[in-house]
N, C-alpha and C. Protein backbone atom coordinates (compact mmCIF):
# COMPACT_ATOMS: atom_id res chain seq x y z
N MET A 1 131.91 112.89 82.23
CA MET A 1 130.83 112.00 81.86
C MET A 1 130.15 112.52 80.59
N LYS A 2 129.57 111.62 79.89
CA LYS A 2 128.90 111.99 78.65
C LYS A 2 127.57 112.67 78.94
N LEU A 3 127.20 113.55 78.06
CA LEU A 3 125.93 114.24 78.19
C LEU A 3 124.98 113.78 77.10
N VAL A 4 123.75 113.61 77.45
CA VAL A 4 122.70 113.27 76.49
C VAL A 4 121.65 114.37 76.61
N ASN A 5 121.48 115.13 75.57
CA ASN A 5 120.54 116.26 75.57
C ASN A 5 120.79 117.19 76.76
N GLY A 6 122.06 117.39 77.09
CA GLY A 6 122.41 118.31 78.17
C GLY A 6 122.31 117.71 79.56
N ARG A 7 122.05 116.41 79.68
CA ARG A 7 121.93 115.79 81.00
C ARG A 7 123.03 114.76 81.19
N ASP A 8 123.43 114.62 82.40
CA ASP A 8 124.44 113.64 82.77
C ASP A 8 123.82 112.24 82.72
N ILE A 9 124.57 111.27 82.21
CA ILE A 9 124.05 109.90 82.10
C ILE A 9 123.75 109.33 83.48
N GLU A 10 124.58 109.61 84.45
CA GLU A 10 124.35 109.11 85.81
C GLU A 10 123.05 109.67 86.37
N ASP A 11 122.75 110.93 86.07
CA ASP A 11 121.50 111.53 86.51
C ASP A 11 120.32 110.83 85.86
N LEU A 12 120.44 110.50 84.60
CA LEU A 12 119.36 109.79 83.91
C LEU A 12 119.15 108.39 84.48
N LYS A 13 120.24 107.70 84.80
CA LYS A 13 120.13 106.37 85.41
C LYS A 13 119.42 106.44 86.75
N LYS A 14 119.77 107.46 87.54
CA LYS A 14 119.15 107.62 88.86
C LYS A 14 117.66 107.88 88.72
N ARG A 15 117.27 108.72 87.78
CA ARG A 15 115.85 109.03 87.59
C ARG A 15 115.07 107.81 87.13
N ILE A 16 115.68 107.00 86.26
CA ILE A 16 115.01 105.77 85.80
C ILE A 16 114.83 104.80 86.96
N GLN A 17 115.85 104.67 87.79
CA GLN A 17 115.77 103.76 88.94
C GLN A 17 114.68 104.22 89.91
N GLU A 18 114.57 105.52 90.14
CA GLU A 18 113.53 106.04 91.03
C GLU A 18 112.14 105.74 90.48
N LYS A 19 111.98 105.86 89.18
CA LYS A 19 110.68 105.55 88.57
C LYS A 19 110.36 104.07 88.69
N GLU A 20 111.38 103.19 88.56
CA GLU A 20 111.16 101.76 88.70
C GLU A 20 110.71 101.42 90.11
N VAL A 21 111.32 102.05 91.11
CA VAL A 21 110.93 101.82 92.49
C VAL A 21 109.49 102.26 92.70
N TYR A 22 109.12 103.39 92.16
CA TYR A 22 107.76 103.91 92.27
C TYR A 22 106.77 102.94 91.63
N LEU A 23 107.08 102.44 90.45
CA LEU A 23 106.20 101.49 89.77
C LEU A 23 106.10 100.17 90.53
N ASP A 24 107.18 99.73 91.16
CA ASP A 24 107.14 98.53 91.99
C ASP A 24 106.18 98.70 93.16
N LYS A 25 106.16 99.87 93.75
CA LYS A 25 105.25 100.14 94.86
C LYS A 25 103.80 100.10 94.40
N ILE A 26 103.54 100.66 93.23
CA ILE A 26 102.18 100.65 92.68
C ILE A 26 101.74 99.21 92.40
N ARG A 27 102.62 98.42 91.77
CA ARG A 27 102.30 97.02 91.50
C ARG A 27 102.02 96.27 92.80
N GLY A 28 102.82 96.52 93.82
CA GLY A 28 102.63 95.87 95.12
C GLY A 28 101.29 96.19 95.73
N CYS A 29 100.84 97.42 95.58
CA CYS A 29 99.52 97.80 96.09
C CYS A 29 98.42 97.04 95.39
N PHE A 30 98.51 96.93 94.07
CA PHE A 30 97.50 96.21 93.31
C PHE A 30 97.49 94.72 93.66
N ILE A 31 98.67 94.13 93.76
CA ILE A 31 98.75 92.70 94.08
C ILE A 31 98.26 92.45 95.50
N GLY A 32 98.69 93.28 96.44
CA GLY A 32 98.25 93.13 97.83
C GLY A 32 96.74 93.30 97.97
N GLY A 33 96.19 94.28 97.27
CA GLY A 33 94.75 94.48 97.31
C GLY A 33 93.98 93.32 96.72
N SER A 34 94.50 92.76 95.64
CA SER A 34 93.85 91.62 94.99
C SER A 34 93.87 90.39 95.89
N VAL A 35 95.02 90.11 96.48
CA VAL A 35 95.12 88.95 97.37
C VAL A 35 94.24 89.14 98.60
N GLY A 36 94.27 90.32 99.17
CA GLY A 36 93.43 90.61 100.33
C GLY A 36 91.96 90.48 100.02
N ASN A 37 91.57 90.94 98.84
CA ASN A 37 90.18 90.84 98.42
C ASN A 37 89.78 89.38 98.23
N ALA A 38 90.65 88.59 97.61
CA ALA A 38 90.35 87.18 97.39
C ALA A 38 90.23 86.42 98.71
N LEU A 39 91.10 86.69 99.66
CA LEU A 39 91.03 86.01 100.95
C LEU A 39 89.86 86.52 101.78
N GLY A 40 89.57 87.78 101.67
CA GLY A 40 88.46 88.36 102.43
C GLY A 40 87.11 87.83 101.99
N TYR A 41 86.98 87.49 100.73
CA TYR A 41 85.72 86.96 100.21
C TYR A 41 85.36 85.66 100.92
N ALA A 42 86.33 84.75 101.07
CA ALA A 42 86.07 83.47 101.72
C ALA A 42 85.68 83.65 103.19
N ILE A 43 86.28 84.60 103.85
CA ILE A 43 86.00 84.83 105.27
C ILE A 43 84.67 85.58 105.44
N GLU A 44 84.39 86.49 104.53
CA GLU A 44 83.20 87.33 104.66
C GLU A 44 81.92 86.50 104.59
N PHE A 45 81.90 85.49 103.76
CA PHE A 45 80.69 84.69 103.58
C PHE A 45 80.77 83.35 104.30
N GLN A 46 81.67 83.24 105.27
CA GLN A 46 81.80 82.02 106.05
C GLN A 46 80.70 81.99 107.11
N ASN A 47 80.07 80.84 107.28
CA ASN A 47 79.04 80.70 108.34
C ASN A 47 79.71 80.70 109.70
N GLU A 48 79.06 81.34 110.65
CA GLU A 48 79.66 81.42 111.99
C GLU A 48 79.35 80.24 112.82
């Protein structure tokens, strides 16, 4: 396999994929929190 700066290309691909998965989890937390906050607002101030 080819080396780039002393690293295997497959190793670099794996590291990039792991970072993408990590960033997807962070995005999911932000989106989930935003949706939960938006839905919670309507319920929080609802008259009983």
